[in-house]
Amino acid sequence: MILTVTLNAALDVTYFVDRLVPRASHRVDTVHERAGGKGVNVSRVLAALGRPTTVTGLAGGPTGTVLRAELRAAGLRDELLPIAGDSRRTVTVVSREDGDATVFNQSGPRVQPADWADFTAWYAQLIRHAAVVVLCGSLPPGLPPDAYGQLVTLAAAAGAATVLDTSGPPLLAALSAGPDVIKPNAAELAAVTGHRDIAAAAAELRALGARAVVVSCGPDGLYALTPQASWRATPPERLSGNPTGAGDACVAALAAGLASGTPWPDTLREAVALSAAAVPCPVAGDFDADLYHRFRTTVTVEDVHDAHTDR
């Protein structure tokens, strides 16, 4: 089983407009509303691939009630821990003209120390049944900066591998715990290291404790630095659409590969194919199955032999 952790779960609301114009009124012709947060989106992709998955994290208040009801309706196993604060909402506005998405993220409810103690105890029970734990997204207010580091340490003690997809201080604070895979995008990587050179920045994060670093490079695919080698994986073509869910689809593929013991080149091929197939879809957590099956045989994976491997 692959356990996904969303500490800042959200009710994702997506508005579709013909064209997004700043400082103007817009008529919304289509609205999607469903449970979200990066870990939830990862579980949606895993479930679509036929992989057993469980959603955990924190959710509360009226918004949390709606969120959990939608998870049940979607057939996802819900092991979220209730808290007193009302879960956040995110609003995404998608322009039909060019497919661009504008996202508004609330910070989330403040988590009390007792809530965090209860969650870590609950999590310690869940990870006993997990092969891989996926830790995703922002930290809500009130959690310690090393919250993800604590969860990585508990997972390792239980024999579960970890994939971490976060940014900024929560990412840096978790590295000393030794996550098996981290997946920043290029901008997040530059922000935490100060390096624009992706290979050098990835090597720095490996030196700080990450066992493998997989960097999302947008339409250019992925760069991966692992103990064995470094690779670049590129899609066969560029797609237009909503890239919001591409990173979550990529993380789902990385987790599935880790759970199956799949060699890195094959895992990266799957990750690029899935993330590219997510771009044409209007909401995060979905992917185009036909595109995925076509791309998974046409993604290029190249061993780049850079100087940063084995550090």
Protein backbone atom coordinates (compact mmCIF):
# COMPACT_ATOMS: atom_id res chain seq x y z
CA MET A 1 0.00 0.00 0.00
CA ILE A 2 1.14 3.56 -0.74
CA LEU A 3 0.19 6.02 2.00
CA THR A 4 -0.15 9.68 1.01
CA VAL A 5 0.07 12.40 3.65
CA THR A 6 -1.62 15.77 3.13
CA LEU A 7 -1.15 17.87 6.24
CA ASN A 8 -2.88 20.86 4.62
CA ALA A 9 -5.79 19.16 2.84
CA ALA A 10 -8.08 21.43 0.85
CA LEU A 11 -11.35 21.62 -0.96
CA ASP A 12 -10.22 22.52 -4.48
CA VAL A 13 -12.57 24.77 -6.42
CA THR A 14 -11.83 25.26 -10.12
CA TYR A 15 -13.51 27.96 -12.20
CA PHE A 16 -13.43 27.94 -15.99
CA VAL A 17 -13.69 31.22 -17.90
CA ASP A 18 -13.37 31.99 -21.58
CA ARG A 19 -10.51 34.40 -20.97
CA LEU A 20 -8.90 35.67 -17.78
CA VAL A 21 -8.62 39.46 -17.79
CA PRO A 22 -7.10 41.30 -14.79
CA ARG A 23 -9.37 43.87 -13.10
CA ALA A 24 -12.44 42.61 -14.97
CA SER A 25 -15.60 40.70 -14.09
CA HIS A 26 -15.90 37.15 -15.42
CA ARG A 27 -18.77 34.83 -16.12
CA VAL A 28 -17.99 31.34 -14.80
CA ASP A 29 -19.64 28.67 -16.95
CA THR A 30 -18.19 25.55 -15.29
CA VAL A 31 -17.16 24.82 -11.69
CA HIS A 32 -15.40 21.72 -10.32
CA GLU A 33 -15.27 21.17 -6.55
CA ARG A 34 -13.48 18.24 -4.97
CA ALA A 35 -11.08 17.13 -2.27
CA GLY A 36 -7.53 18.21 -2.92
CA GLY A 37 -4.09 18.92 -1.61
CA LYS A 38 -1.07 17.39 -3.29
CA GLY A 39 -1.20 14.04 -1.47
CA VAL A 40 -4.87 13.59 -2.29
CA ASN A 41 -4.11 14.26 -5.96
CA VAL A 42 -1.30 11.69 -5.84
CA SER A 43 -3.70 9.10 -4.43
CA ARG A 44 -6.20 9.82 -7.21
CA VAL A 45 -3.54 9.07 -9.82
CA LEU A 46 -2.37 5.94 -7.99
CA ALA A 47 -5.94 4.65 -7.73
CA ALA A 48 -6.45 5.22 -11.46
CA LEU A 49 -3.32 3.12 -12.06
CA GLY A 50 -4.75 0.32 -9.91
CA ARG A 51 -2.35 0.89 -7.01
CA PRO A 52 -3.70 0.41 -3.46
CA THR A 53 -3.49 3.76 -1.69
CA THR A 54 -4.68 5.44 1.49
CA VAL A 55 -5.12 9.16 2.20
CA THR A 56 -4.15 10.56 5.57
CA GLY A 57 -3.42 13.99 6.98
CA LEU A 58 -5.48 16.64 8.74
CA ALA A 59 -8.96 17.94 7.96
CA GLY A 60 -11.59 19.75 9.98
CA GLY A 61 -14.59 22.01 10.17
CA PRO A 62 -17.41 22.30 7.62
CA THR A 63 -14.97 22.34 4.73
CA GLY A 64 -13.29 19.21 6.04
CA THR A 65 -16.68 17.46 6.19
CA VAL A 66 -17.34 18.24 2.52
CA LEU A 67 -13.79 17.22 1.63
CA ARG A 68 -14.10 13.83 3.32
CA ALA A 69 -17.49 13.15 1.76
CA GLU A 70 -16.01 13.76 -1.69
CA LEU A 71 -13.13 11.37 -0.94
CA ARG A 72 -15.61 8.65 -0.07
CA ALA A 73 -17.62 9.36 -3.21
CA ALA A 74 -14.42 9.06 -5.25
CA GLY A 75 -13.67 5.64 -3.73
CA LEU A 76 -10.48 6.75 -1.97
CA ARG A 77 -9.71 5.29 1.45
CA ASP A 78 -9.92 8.16 3.94
CA GLU A 79 -7.80 8.02 7.08
CA LEU A 80 -7.65 11.78 7.68
CA LEU A 81 -7.46 12.86 11.31
CA PRO A 82 -10.19 15.36 12.31
CA ILE A 83 -9.04 18.68 13.81
CA ALA A 84 -10.98 21.64 15.18
CA GLY A 85 -9.93 24.21 12.57
CA ASP A 86 -11.75 24.57 9.27
CA SER A 87 -9.82 23.12 6.32
CA ARG A 88 -8.74 25.52 3.60
CA ARG A 89 -10.10 26.03 0.13
CA THR A 90 -8.07 26.64 -2.99
CA VAL A 91 -9.41 28.46 -6.02
CA THR A 92 -8.04 27.85 -9.52
CA VAL A 93 -9.18 29.94 -12.47
CA VAL A 94 -8.56 28.27 -15.83
CA SER A 95 -8.66 30.33 -19.03
CA ARG A 96 -10.14 28.38 -21.93
CA GLU A 97 -8.35 30.71 -24.33
CA ASP A 98 -4.84 29.47 -23.56
CA GLY A 99 -5.27 26.84 -20.83
CA ASP A 100 -3.34 28.90 -18.29
CA ALA A 101 -4.30 28.46 -14.64
CA THR A 102 -4.22 31.08 -11.88
CA VAL A 103 -4.24 29.58 -8.39
CA PHE A 104 -5.22 31.12 -5.03
CA ASN A 105 -4.12 29.10 -1.97
CA GLN A 106 -5.32 29.74 1.57
CA SER A 107 -2.77 29.08 4.31
CA GLY A 108 -4.92 26.56 6.16
CA PRO A 109 -6.13 26.22 9.78
CA ARG A 110 -3.76 26.53 12.73
CA VAL A 111 -2.86 23.07 14.03
CA GLN A 112 -2.61 22.76 17.81
CA PRO A 113 0.24 20.81 19.48
CA ALA A 114 -2.26 18.20 20.72
CA ASP A 115 -3.50 17.70 17.14
CA TRP A 116 0.06 17.08 15.95
CA ALA A 117 0.73 14.60 18.77
CA ASP A 118 -2.48 12.76 17.91
CA PHE A 119 -1.59 12.69 14.23
CA THR A 120 1.94 11.33 14.70
CA ALA A 121 0.51 8.52 16.85
CA TRP A 122 -2.12 7.78 14.18
CA TYR A 123 0.49 7.93 11.41
CA ALA A 124 2.74 5.50 13.30
CA GLN A 125 -0.08 2.95 13.09
CA LEU A 126 -0.80 3.54 9.39
CA ILE A 127 2.81 3.24 8.21
CA ARG A 128 3.00 -0.31 9.53
CA HIS A 129 0.99 -1.30 6.43
CA ALA A 130 2.74 0.97 3.91
CA ALA A 131 5.55 0.13 1.49
CA VAL A 132 5.95 3.79 0.50
CA VAL A 133 4.88 7.01 2.19
CA VAL A 134 4.33 10.14 0.08
CA LEU A 135 4.61 13.42 2.00
CA CYS A 136 3.27 16.36 0.02
CA GLY A 137 2.53 20.04 0.07
CA SER A 138 2.73 22.99 2.43
CA LEU A 139 2.62 22.86 6.21
CA PRO A 140 -0.40 24.49 7.86
CA PRO A 141 0.23 27.10 10.55
CA GLY A 142 1.20 25.71 13.94
CA LEU A 143 3.25 22.73 12.81
CA PRO A 144 6.98 22.54 13.62
CA PRO A 145 9.33 23.33 10.70
CA ASP A 146 10.72 19.79 10.87
CA ALA A 147 7.28 18.13 10.72
CA TYR A 148 8.14 16.27 7.53
CA GLY A 149 11.50 15.25 8.96
CA GLN A 150 9.72 13.67 11.92
CA LEU A 151 7.42 11.74 9.59
CA VAL A 152 10.33 10.56 7.42
CA THR A 153 12.12 9.28 10.53
CA LEU A 154 9.03 7.37 11.69
CA ALA A 155 8.54 5.86 8.24
CA ALA A 156 12.15 4.71 8.04
CA ALA A 157 11.87 3.07 11.45
CA ALA A 158 8.83 1.16 10.17
CA GLY A 159 10.67 0.05 7.02
CA ALA A 160 8.73 2.29 4.60
CA ALA A 161 10.39 4.30 1.84
CA THR A 162 9.55 7.99 1.53
CA VAL A 163 8.88 10.46 -1.29
CA LEU A 164 8.85 14.11 -0.23
CA ASP A 165 7.33 16.88 -2.35
CA THR A 166 7.49 20.20 -0.53
CA SER A 167 9.54 23.40 -0.73
CA GLY A 168 11.35 26.06 1.27
CA PRO A 169 12.15 25.61 4.98
CA PRO A 170 10.03 22.42 5.39
CA LEU A 171 12.11 20.79 2.64
CA LEU A 172 15.44 21.85 4.09
CA ALA A 173 14.40 20.81 7.61
CA ALA A 174 13.51 17.29 6.41
CA LEU A 175 16.73 16.48 4.55
CA SER A 176 18.73 15.33 7.56
CA ALA A 177 16.12 12.58 8.11
CA GLY A 178 17.17 11.04 4.76
CA PRO A 179 14.07 10.93 2.54
CA ASP A 180 14.47 8.36 -0.23
CA VAL A 181 13.30 10.73 -2.97
CA ILE A 182 12.61 14.45 -3.01
CA LYS A 183 10.88 16.14 -5.93
CA PRO A 184 11.31 19.90 -6.10
CA ASN A 185 10.62 21.79 -9.29
CA ALA A 186 13.39 23.91 -10.82
CA ALA A 187 12.19 27.14 -9.17
CA GLU A 188 11.89 25.50 -5.73
CA LEU A 189 15.34 23.97 -6.13
CA ALA A 190 16.90 27.34 -6.95
CA ALA A 191 15.06 29.00 -4.06
CA VAL A 192 16.43 26.62 -1.39
CA THR A 193 19.99 26.38 -2.73
CA GLY A 194 20.64 29.69 -4.49
CA HIS A 195 21.94 27.74 -7.52
CA ARG A 196 20.53 28.11 -11.01
CA ASP A 197 22.53 25.10 -12.18
CA ILE A 198 20.15 22.19 -11.61
CA ALA A 199 22.83 19.50 -11.31
CA ALA A 200 24.83 21.49 -8.74
CA ALA A 201 21.71 22.35 -6.75
CA ALA A 202 20.53 18.73 -6.73
CA ALA A 203 23.95 17.60 -5.57
CA GLU A 204 23.78 20.04 -2.67
CA LEU A 205 20.47 18.59 -1.49
CA ARG A 206 21.85 15.07 -1.78
CA ALA A 207 24.81 16.12 0.34
CA LEU A 208 22.35 17.39 2.95
CA GLY A 209 20.67 13.98 3.20
CA ALA A 210 18.28 13.28 0.33
CA ARG A 211 19.05 9.89 -1.22
CA ALA A 212 17.71 10.85 -4.66
CA VAL A 213 16.65 14.20 -6.11
CA VAL A 214 14.16 14.36 -9.00
CA VAL A 215 13.65 17.85 -10.40
CA SER A 216 10.61 18.85 -12.43
CA CYS A 217 11.72 21.04 -15.33
CA GLY A 218 8.28 21.82 -16.76
CA PRO A 219 7.90 20.99 -20.45
CA ASP A 220 11.56 19.91 -20.54
CA GLY A 221 10.83 16.86 -18.40
CA LEU A 222 12.87 15.68 -15.40
CA TYR A 223 16.43 15.69 -14.11
CA ALA A 224 17.26 12.95 -11.59
CA LEU A 225 20.34 12.59 -9.41
CA THR A 226 20.57 9.23 -7.63
CA PRO A 227 23.38 7.28 -5.94
CA GLN A 228 23.77 5.17 -9.11
CA ALA A 229 23.66 7.77 -11.90
CA SER A 230 22.04 10.94 -13.15
CA TRP A 231 19.46 11.08 -15.90
CA ARG A 232 17.44 13.46 -17.99
CA ALA A 233 14.01 12.32 -19.12
CA THR A 234 12.18 14.35 -21.77
CA PRO A 235 8.67 14.05 -23.23
CA PRO A 236 8.24 13.43 -26.98
CA GLU A 237 6.24 16.64 -27.43
CA ARG A 238 5.07 19.75 -25.59
CA LEU A 239 1.44 20.02 -24.58
CA SER A 240 -0.73 22.99 -23.76
CA GLY A 241 -3.25 23.00 -20.95
CA ASN A 242 -3.36 23.20 -17.16
CA PRO A 243 -0.03 22.10 -15.64
CA THR A 244 -1.35 22.21 -12.05
CA GLY A 245 -1.57 18.43 -11.61
CA ALA A 246 1.56 17.46 -13.54
CA GLY A 247 3.80 17.46 -10.47
CA ASP A 248 1.38 15.30 -8.49
CA ALA A 249 1.18 12.77 -11.35
CA CYS A 250 4.97 12.70 -11.42
CA VAL A 251 5.11 11.97 -7.68
CA ALA A 252 2.58 9.15 -8.10
CA ALA A 253 4.83 7.50 -10.67
CA LEU A 254 7.91 7.91 -8.46
CA ALA A 255 6.07 6.32 -5.53
CA ALA A 256 4.81 3.45 -7.67
CA GLY A 257 8.30 2.82 -9.02
CA LEU A 258 9.77 2.85 -5.53
CA ALA A 259 7.11 0.42 -4.28
CA SER A 260 7.79 -1.99 -7.15
CA GLY A 261 11.58 -1.70 -7.11
CA THR A 262 11.52 -0.49 -10.73
CA PRO A 263 14.89 0.63 -12.19
CA TRP A 264 15.34 4.39 -12.28
CA PRO A 265 15.22 4.84 -16.08
CA ASP A 266 11.88 3.03 -16.27
CA THR A 267 10.49 4.95 -13.30
CA LEU A 268 11.50 8.27 -14.86
CA ARG A 269 9.92 7.27 -18.16
CA GLU A 270 6.66 6.57 -16.34
CA ALA A 271 6.92 9.83 -14.39
CA VAL A 272 7.34 11.96 -17.50
CA ALA A 273 4.59 10.12 -19.35
CA LEU A 274 2.12 10.52 -16.47
CA SER A 275 2.94 14.16 -15.78
CA ALA A 276 2.67 15.05 -19.47
CA ALA A 277 -0.66 13.21 -19.71
CA ALA A 278 -1.95 15.29 -16.78
CA VAL A 279 -1.40 18.64 -18.54
CA PRO A 280 -4.44 18.49 -20.87
CA CYS A 281 -6.76 17.66 -17.95
CA PRO A 282 -8.69 20.52 -16.35
CA VAL A 283 -8.27 19.43 -12.71
CA ALA A 284 -5.34 18.05 -10.70
CA GLY A 285 -5.42 14.33 -9.98
CA ASP A 286 -6.59 13.37 -13.49
CA PHE A 287 -4.59 12.27 -16.52
CA ASP A 288 -5.37 11.37 -20.12
CA ALA A 289 -5.03 7.58 -20.27
CA ASP A 290 -4.52 7.46 -24.05
CA LEU A 291 -1.73 10.02 -23.92
CA TYR A 292 -0.12 8.24 -20.99
CA HIS A 293 0.02 4.91 -22.82
CA ARG A 294 1.39 6.59 -25.95
CA PHE A 295 4.03 8.62 -24.13
CA ARG A 296 5.34 5.82 -21.92
CA THR A 297 6.97 4.22 -24.99
CA THR A 298 8.28 7.47 -26.49
CA VAL A 299 9.81 9.34 -23.53
CA THR A 300 13.58 9.73 -23.90
CA VAL A 301 15.75 8.84 -20.87
CA GLU A 302 19.44 9.72 -21.10
CA ASP A 303 22.29 9.02 -18.68
CA VAL A 304 23.99 12.42 -18.47
CA HIS A 305 27.19 11.29 -16.68
CA ASP A 306 27.61 14.53 -14.77
CA ALA A 307 30.20 15.14 -12.08
CA HIS A 308 27.70 15.16 -9.22
CA THR A 309 26.81 11.45 -9.08
CA ASP A 310 27.96 9.42 -6.05
CA ARG A 311 28.27 12.44 -3.77
